[in-house]
Protein backbone atom coordinates (compact mmCIF):
# COMPACT_ATOMS: atom_id res chain seq x y z
CA MET A 1 0.22 0.15 0.11
CA LEU A 2 3.10 2.16 0.11
CA TRP A 3 2.20 3.23 -3.70
CA LEU A 4 -1.29 4.95 -1.95
CA ILE A 5 0.38 5.57 1.74
CA VAL A 6 3.28 7.91 0.53
CA PRO A 7 0.98 10.21 -1.78
CA LEU A 8 -1.28 10.69 0.68
CA ALA A 9 1.67 11.61 3.36
CA PHE A 10 2.87 14.24 0.55
CA ILE A 11 -0.06 15.30 -0.13
CA ILE A 12 -0.82 16.13 3.92
CA ASP A 13 1.97 17.89 4.83
CA LEU A 14 1.19 20.13 1.50
CA LEU A 15 -2.30 20.62 2.50
CA TRP A 16 -1.97 20.82 6.51
CA GLY A 17 1.98 21.03 7.18
CA ASP A 18 2.59 20.38 11.01
CA PRO A 19 -0.40 21.36 13.24
CA ALA A 20 1.47 23.40 16.02
CA PHE A 21 -1.12 20.96 18.45
CA ILE A 22 0.12 17.91 17.69
CA THR A 23 3.80 17.83 19.21
CA HIS A 24 5.82 16.96 16.29
CA PRO A 25 7.84 13.72 16.39
CA VAL A 26 11.02 15.36 15.36
CA ILE A 27 10.81 17.73 18.65
CA ILE A 28 10.57 14.92 20.10
CA ILE A 29 14.10 13.12 18.60
CA GLY A 30 15.84 16.22 19.54
CA ARG A 31 14.72 15.74 23.28
CA ALA A 32 16.08 12.26 22.82
CA ILE A 33 19.80 13.48 21.18
CA ASN A 34 20.03 15.85 23.80
CA GLY A 35 19.13 13.35 26.45
CA ALA A 36 21.90 10.54 25.17
CA GLU A 37 24.31 13.52 24.45
CA ARG A 38 23.94 14.35 28.11
CA ILE A 39 24.18 10.59 29.32
CA LEU A 40 27.38 9.95 26.63
CA ARG A 41 29.68 13.37 26.75
CA PRO A 42 30.22 13.41 30.38
CA ARG A 43 32.22 9.94 30.20
CA THR A 44 34.33 11.22 27.35
CA GLY A 45 37.42 12.89 28.21
CA SER A 46 39.63 12.75 24.99
CA PRO A 47 39.00 13.08 21.16
CA ARG A 48 39.32 9.52 20.98
CA SER A 49 36.65 8.52 23.38
CA GLU A 50 34.61 11.45 22.03
CA HIS A 51 34.49 10.03 18.68
CA TRP A 52 33.50 6.15 20.00
CA ALA A 53 31.17 8.18 22.22
CA GLY A 54 29.56 9.96 18.76
CA CYS A 55 29.39 6.75 16.64
CA LEU A 56 27.26 5.06 19.86
CA LEU A 57 25.04 8.15 19.72
CA ALA A 58 24.70 7.47 15.71
CA VAL A 59 23.70 4.25 16.07
CA ILE A 60 21.34 4.43 19.44
CA ILE A 61 19.39 7.10 18.00
CA PRO A 62 18.26 5.79 14.49
CA GLY A 63 17.88 2.92 15.89
CA ALA A 64 15.32 3.26 18.77
CA VAL A 65 13.44 5.48 16.49
CA TYR A 66 13.18 2.37 13.71
CA VAL A 67 12.29 0.17 16.54
CA VAL A 68 9.73 2.42 17.96
CA THR A 69 7.87 3.34 14.76
CA PHE A 70 7.84 -0.26 13.70
CA CYS A 71 5.78 -1.53 16.87
CA LEU A 72 3.43 1.94 17.00
CA CYS A 73 2.33 1.07 13.16
CA PHE A 74 2.78 -2.57 13.90
CA LEU A 75 0.81 -2.20 16.96
CA ALA A 76 -2.21 0.11 15.06
CA GLY A 77 -2.57 -2.06 12.58
CA GLN A 78 -3.43 -4.85 14.90
CA ILE A 79 -6.40 -2.70 16.54
CA HIS A 80 -7.49 -1.97 12.71
CA SER A 81 -5.53 -2.26 9.22
CA ASN A 82 -7.01 1.23 9.06
CA LEU A 83 -5.72 2.50 11.71
CA GLY A 84 -2.16 1.54 10.88
CA PHE A 85 -2.86 3.26 8.00
CA ILE A 86 -3.41 6.42 9.06
CA VAL A 87 -0.71 6.16 11.76
CA SER A 88 1.99 4.98 9.03
CA VAL A 89 0.26 8.28 6.13
CA TRP A 90 0.63 10.49 9.26
CA LEU A 91 3.92 9.56 10.67
CA ILE A 92 5.39 10.08 7.07
CA SER A 93 4.11 13.55 6.29
CA THR A 94 5.39 14.19 9.73
CA THR A 95 9.35 13.11 8.37
CA ILE A 96 8.31 15.58 4.78
CA SER A 97 8.58 19.57 4.84
CA ALA A 98 7.61 20.76 1.17
CA ARG A 99 5.27 22.92 2.97
CA GLY A 100 7.71 24.49 5.86
CA LEU A 101 9.92 25.77 3.21
CA ARG A 102 6.98 27.03 1.29
CA ASP A 103 6.14 29.08 4.22
CA VAL A 104 9.79 30.30 5.03
CA GLY A 105 9.96 31.31 1.39
CA CYS A 106 6.35 32.92 0.89
CA SER A 107 7.17 35.00 4.35
CA VAL A 108 10.62 36.75 3.10
CA TYR A 109 8.94 37.21 -0.11
CA ARG A 110 6.03 38.90 1.33
CA TYR A 111 8.22 41.30 3.62
CA PHE A 112 10.61 42.13 0.75
CA SER A 113 7.47 42.85 -2.25
CA SER A 114 6.17 45.14 1.01
CA GLY A 115 8.98 46.89 1.76
CA GLU A 116 10.07 45.72 4.90
CA PRO A 117 13.66 43.60 4.06
CA GLU A 118 14.32 43.87 8.23
CA GLN A 119 11.38 41.19 8.91
CA ALA A 120 12.49 39.26 6.13
CA ARG A 121 15.84 39.25 7.87
CA GLN A 122 14.43 37.78 11.00
CA VAL A 123 12.57 34.85 9.02
CA VAL A 124 15.94 34.28 7.62
CA ASP A 125 17.52 34.33 10.75
CA GLY A 126 15.20 31.40 12.13
CA ILE A 127 16.05 29.14 9.61
CA VAL A 128 20.08 29.78 8.83
CA GLY A 129 23.00 28.92 11.22
CA ARG A 130 25.13 32.22 9.41
CA ASP A 131 24.92 35.80 10.89
CA THR A 132 22.41 37.46 9.42
CA GLY A 133 22.87 41.01 10.75
CA CYS A 134 25.30 42.26 8.22
CA MET A 135 23.13 40.83 5.39
CA ASN A 136 22.31 43.42 2.47
CA GLY A 137 18.85 42.71 0.81
CA GLN A 138 20.32 40.35 -2.09
CA GLU A 139 22.40 38.03 0.74
CA ILE A 140 18.83 37.58 2.30
CA VAL A 141 17.41 36.32 -0.92
CA ARG A 142 20.73 34.06 -1.26
CA ALA A 143 20.32 32.46 1.94
CA THR A 144 16.38 31.79 1.18
CA VAL A 145 16.87 30.83 -2.26
CA GLU A 146 20.37 28.53 -1.03
CA THR A 147 18.26 27.22 2.17
CA ILE A 148 14.91 26.09 -0.60
CA ALA A 149 17.39 24.76 -2.70
CA GLU A 150 19.46 22.57 -0.83
CA ASN A 151 16.46 21.21 2.16
CA ILE A 152 14.41 19.93 -1.19
CA VAL A 153 16.83 16.69 -0.43
CA ASP A 154 16.28 16.17 2.88
CA GLY A 155 13.09 17.90 3.30
CA VAL A 156 11.54 16.39 0.47
CA ILE A 157 13.18 13.79 -1.82
CA ALA A 158 14.93 11.55 0.95
CA PRO A 159 12.17 11.05 3.08
CA ILE A 160 9.90 10.28 0.25
CA PHE A 161 12.76 7.99 -1.44
CA PHE A 162 13.42 6.17 1.94
CA ALA A 163 9.43 5.91 2.67
CA TYR A 164 9.32 4.24 -0.24
CA ILE A 165 11.36 1.04 0.60
CA GLY A 166 10.61 0.66 4.09
CA GLY A 167 7.57 2.82 5.16
CA ALA A 168 7.08 5.08 7.78
CA PRO A 169 9.84 2.95 10.12
CA LEU A 170 12.58 3.92 7.58
CA ALA A 171 11.00 7.48 6.75
CA MET A 172 11.47 8.58 10.36
CA THR A 173 15.03 6.56 10.92
CA TYR A 174 16.32 8.83 7.80
CA ARG A 175 14.84 11.95 9.57
CA ALA A 176 16.11 11.21 12.86
CA ILE A 177 19.75 10.76 11.05
CA ASN A 178 19.00 14.50 9.69
CA THR A 179 18.18 15.67 12.94
CA LEU A 180 21.15 14.29 14.53
CA ASP A 181 23.25 16.05 11.76
CA SER A 182 21.30 19.47 12.51
CA MET A 183 22.56 18.82 15.91
CA VAL A 184 26.15 17.84 16.21
CA GLY A 185 27.27 17.48 12.99
CA TYR A 186 28.84 20.48 13.44
CA LYS A 187 32.92 20.95 12.80
CA ASN A 188 33.41 23.32 16.12
CA ALA A 189 35.34 22.71 18.77
CA ARG A 190 31.97 20.73 20.76
CA TYR A 191 31.14 18.54 18.57
CA ILE A 192 34.63 18.00 15.70
CA ASN A 193 34.74 15.15 17.31
CA PHE A 194 31.26 14.28 18.86
CA GLY A 195 29.15 15.03 15.87
CA TRP A 196 31.44 12.98 13.09
CA ALA A 197 29.88 10.23 13.25
CA SER A 198 26.37 11.64 12.64
CA ALA A 199 27.60 14.27 9.80
CA ARG A 200 29.10 10.58 7.91
CA LEU A 201 25.64 9.20 8.23
CA ASP A 202 23.83 12.01 6.98
CA ASP A 203 26.02 12.18 3.58
CA VAL A 204 25.43 8.41 3.22
CA ALA A 205 21.90 9.14 3.80
CA ASN A 206 21.38 11.56 1.34
CA TYR A 207 24.12 10.39 -1.43
CA ILE A 208 21.10 8.69 -3.21
CA PRO A 209 18.75 10.78 -2.83
CA ALA A 210 20.49 14.13 -3.91
CA ARG A 211 21.38 12.80 -7.04
CA ILE A 212 18.06 11.28 -7.39
CA THR A 213 17.00 15.13 -6.87
CA GLY A 214 18.98 16.37 -9.45
CA VAL A 215 17.37 14.28 -12.05
CA LEU A 216 14.17 15.68 -10.81
CA ILE A 217 15.38 19.04 -10.79
CA ILE A 218 15.71 18.96 -14.70
CA MET A 219 12.81 17.53 -15.23
CA ALA A 220 11.04 20.48 -13.38
CA ALA A 221 12.80 23.01 -15.07
CA VAL A 222 11.39 21.49 -18.73
CA MET A 223 7.94 21.98 -16.98
CA LEU A 224 8.39 25.45 -15.72
CA ARG A 225 10.01 26.84 -18.76
CA LEU A 226 13.20 26.98 -17.58
CA SER A 227 16.57 25.80 -18.36
CA PRO A 228 17.11 22.29 -18.07
CA VAL A 229 20.49 22.48 -19.87
CA ASN A 230 21.72 25.42 -17.87
CA ALA A 231 20.48 23.20 -14.81
CA ALA A 232 22.61 20.11 -15.65
CA ALA A 233 25.73 21.87 -16.90
CA ALA A 234 25.96 23.72 -13.49
CA MET A 235 25.45 20.61 -11.48
CA PHE A 236 27.89 18.89 -13.55
CA ARG A 237 30.28 21.98 -13.31
CA ASP A 238 29.94 23.91 -9.93
CA SER A 239 28.09 20.80 -7.67
CA LYS A 240 31.83 19.29 -6.25
CA LYS A 241 33.28 22.56 -5.48
CA HIS A 242 30.73 22.90 -2.58
CA PRO A 243 31.81 21.17 1.04
CA SER A 244 28.94 18.73 1.74
CA PRO A 245 28.60 15.93 -1.20
CA ASN A 246 24.93 16.38 -1.98
CA SER A 247 23.83 19.53 -0.99
CA GLY A 248 25.54 21.46 -4.13
CA ILE A 249 23.84 19.44 -6.87
CA PRO A 250 20.28 20.91 -5.69
CA GLU A 251 21.68 24.41 -4.80
CA ALA A 252 23.71 24.25 -8.77
CA GLY A 253 20.82 23.19 -10.26
CA VAL A 254 18.44 25.46 -9.20
CA ALA A 255 20.84 28.08 -9.62
CA GLY A 256 21.29 27.08 -13.07
CA ALA A 257 17.52 26.45 -13.57
CA LEU A 258 16.90 29.88 -12.64
CA GLY A 259 20.05 31.74 -14.17
CA ILE A 260 21.26 33.44 -11.08
CA ARG A 261 24.51 32.60 -8.90
CA LEU A 262 24.54 31.57 -5.46
CA GLY A 263 27.00 30.97 -3.14
CA GLY A 264 29.79 33.52 -1.75
CA THR A 265 30.86 34.98 1.54
CA ASN A 266 29.24 33.58 4.48
CA TYR A 267 29.84 34.61 8.23
CA TYR A 268 29.51 32.18 11.16
CA GLU A 269 29.77 34.18 14.83
CA GLY A 270 32.15 36.81 12.95
CA ILE A 271 34.17 34.68 11.10
CA PRO A 272 33.96 34.86 7.30
CA SER A 273 33.39 31.58 5.51
CA VAL A 274 33.87 31.56 1.48
CA ARG A 275 31.61 29.09 -0.40
CA PRO A 276 32.70 28.47 -3.70
CA PHE A 277 30.00 29.96 -6.62
CA LEU A 278 27.53 27.90 -7.86
CA GLY A 279 25.76 28.55 -11.35
CA ARG A 280 26.24 31.68 -13.18
CA PRO A 281 24.82 35.40 -12.99
CA LEU A 282 22.63 35.57 -16.54
CA LYS A 283 20.34 37.44 -14.03
CA GLU A 284 20.33 39.89 -11.18
CA LEU A 285 19.40 37.81 -7.61
CA SER A 286 16.30 39.42 -6.17
CA TYR A 287 13.39 38.67 -4.35
CA ASP A 288 11.46 37.30 -7.50
CA TYR A 289 13.51 34.29 -7.51
CA ILE A 290 12.22 32.77 -4.31
CA LYS A 291 8.55 31.83 -5.97
CA PRO A 292 10.48 29.75 -8.53
CA ALA A 293 12.36 28.36 -6.11
CA ILE A 294 9.39 27.46 -4.30
CA LYS A 295 7.80 25.58 -7.29
CA PHE A 296 11.01 23.15 -7.54
CA VAL A 297 10.23 21.93 -4.43
CA TYR A 298 6.81 21.02 -4.79
CA LEU A 299 7.21 20.02 -8.52
CA THR A 300 10.37 17.65 -7.50
CA GLY A 301 7.86 16.53 -5.04
CA ILE A 302 4.94 15.57 -7.35
CA LEU A 303 7.55 13.97 -9.43
CA ALA A 304 9.18 11.81 -6.80
CA VAL A 305 5.47 10.71 -5.63
CA LEU A 306 4.36 10.17 -8.75
CA LEU A 307 7.08 8.00 -10.30
CA GLY A 308 8.28 6.55 -6.90
CA SER A 309 4.48 5.16 -7.00
CA ILE A 310 4.62 3.61 -10.41
CA VAL A 311 8.17 1.70 -9.65
CA TYR A 312 6.91 0.13 -6.85
CA LYS A 313 3.89 -0.47 -8.25
CA MET A 314 6.28 -1.99 -11.01
CA VAL A 315 8.09 -4.07 -8.67
CA TYR A 316 5.87 -5.56 -5.77
CA GLN A 317 2.92 -5.85 -7.64
């Protein structure tokens, strides 16, 4: 039934996103990560022991999330098959964040179009790790488009990919891996050793979905009457310049399709970090490119669920 469950989960996310009155599973996962870190970190002292404690964290959290989700879906199915179906749909929908990306992008676009760049800056400050205080208008737009493009992989395509392979348990396990990376996968003094395993695990989990995303971006560019040729060229030419083995693909693809250039100097706690340029500046970057970036989120997601359901039925039925 995954050929039906996954598209329904995607539709639920598009229509309702994450209701505020329900505790999101990612919040629970985040609390579990914080608790596990408090238990494991006091027992570490040397970089080597921190490294192995981090490896243990990267095994315990995803493993526990898989077992808990599997048991929840199984018990719901034992009570009634329809309940099991509903629980699976809802859990998978919580791993997808297409609506969240759309809401953030539309908020930034709305503030710019109404002449309130400072409000747009505040929205961006809540979604990026870089310093936003010194950003001008173009930098705010760049940060927004880069975030939307990058999260096409881990916010849309990857959870859909893992849901088709292993249902809600595997989709939720992927979300746990991604949450681990966002919480401890930093190259700073605190997490350079402890977060190493979580960061590498996230790279491995996103490897195939990122490349699927590249193909879907080219297909979406055709549908949007943009430039699939420039999207493909930018991905082949520029994606490997990105420090992440996966994030450069969607960022370069979207930049190429839109005819804009992403990348440049970001600041983290006042320290400059130069990122390679992705795409070519055929057009001047402006807030008008936020909405086309959002369209890539929706179209790649729609293509993923349609093609995924077709392939699933061909393989399993």
